[in-house]
Amino acid sequence: MKQIVVGMVAALCAAGVTLAAQSSGPGPNAPAASQDKTQTFTGCLRPGSTGDRFTLINGKEKGKKTSEKLTFVVIADGPKVKLEPRVNQEVEITGTLEPAASAGASPTFKATSVKWRNDYCG
């Protein structure tokens, strides 16, 4: 019973984060979209608005010396990239950042690989 309640609270929080990210636009802490440039980020993978969309929170670009933490939508770039088993874990994702489809929309990160870093993320 406790696990169900915790799962429901986590899902509601993730939905709220996703809705806030979608309604507020890219914002100041959205990563810069650069087509055809592979990037790697570490952060906490959370469930998204649908089964195939996820949210990376507290994301940091690998190799960049900055304390800025990013949040953005993540989708798998093909059937071999399994994001769902890594939900609520700290991960390292590699892929490309697609520009926003329309004004006010957030960019989407297309993950070509996901690696486990830690069972829990804070």
Foldseek 3Di string as FASTA:
>chain_A
DVVVVVVVVLVVVQAVVQVVDFQQFCPDLADDADPPDKWKKKAAWACHPDPFKIKGWQIDTPPDPDNRGHIDIEGEPDDVEDCVVRHQFIKMFMAGWACAPDPRGGIYGHTDYIGGDGNHDD
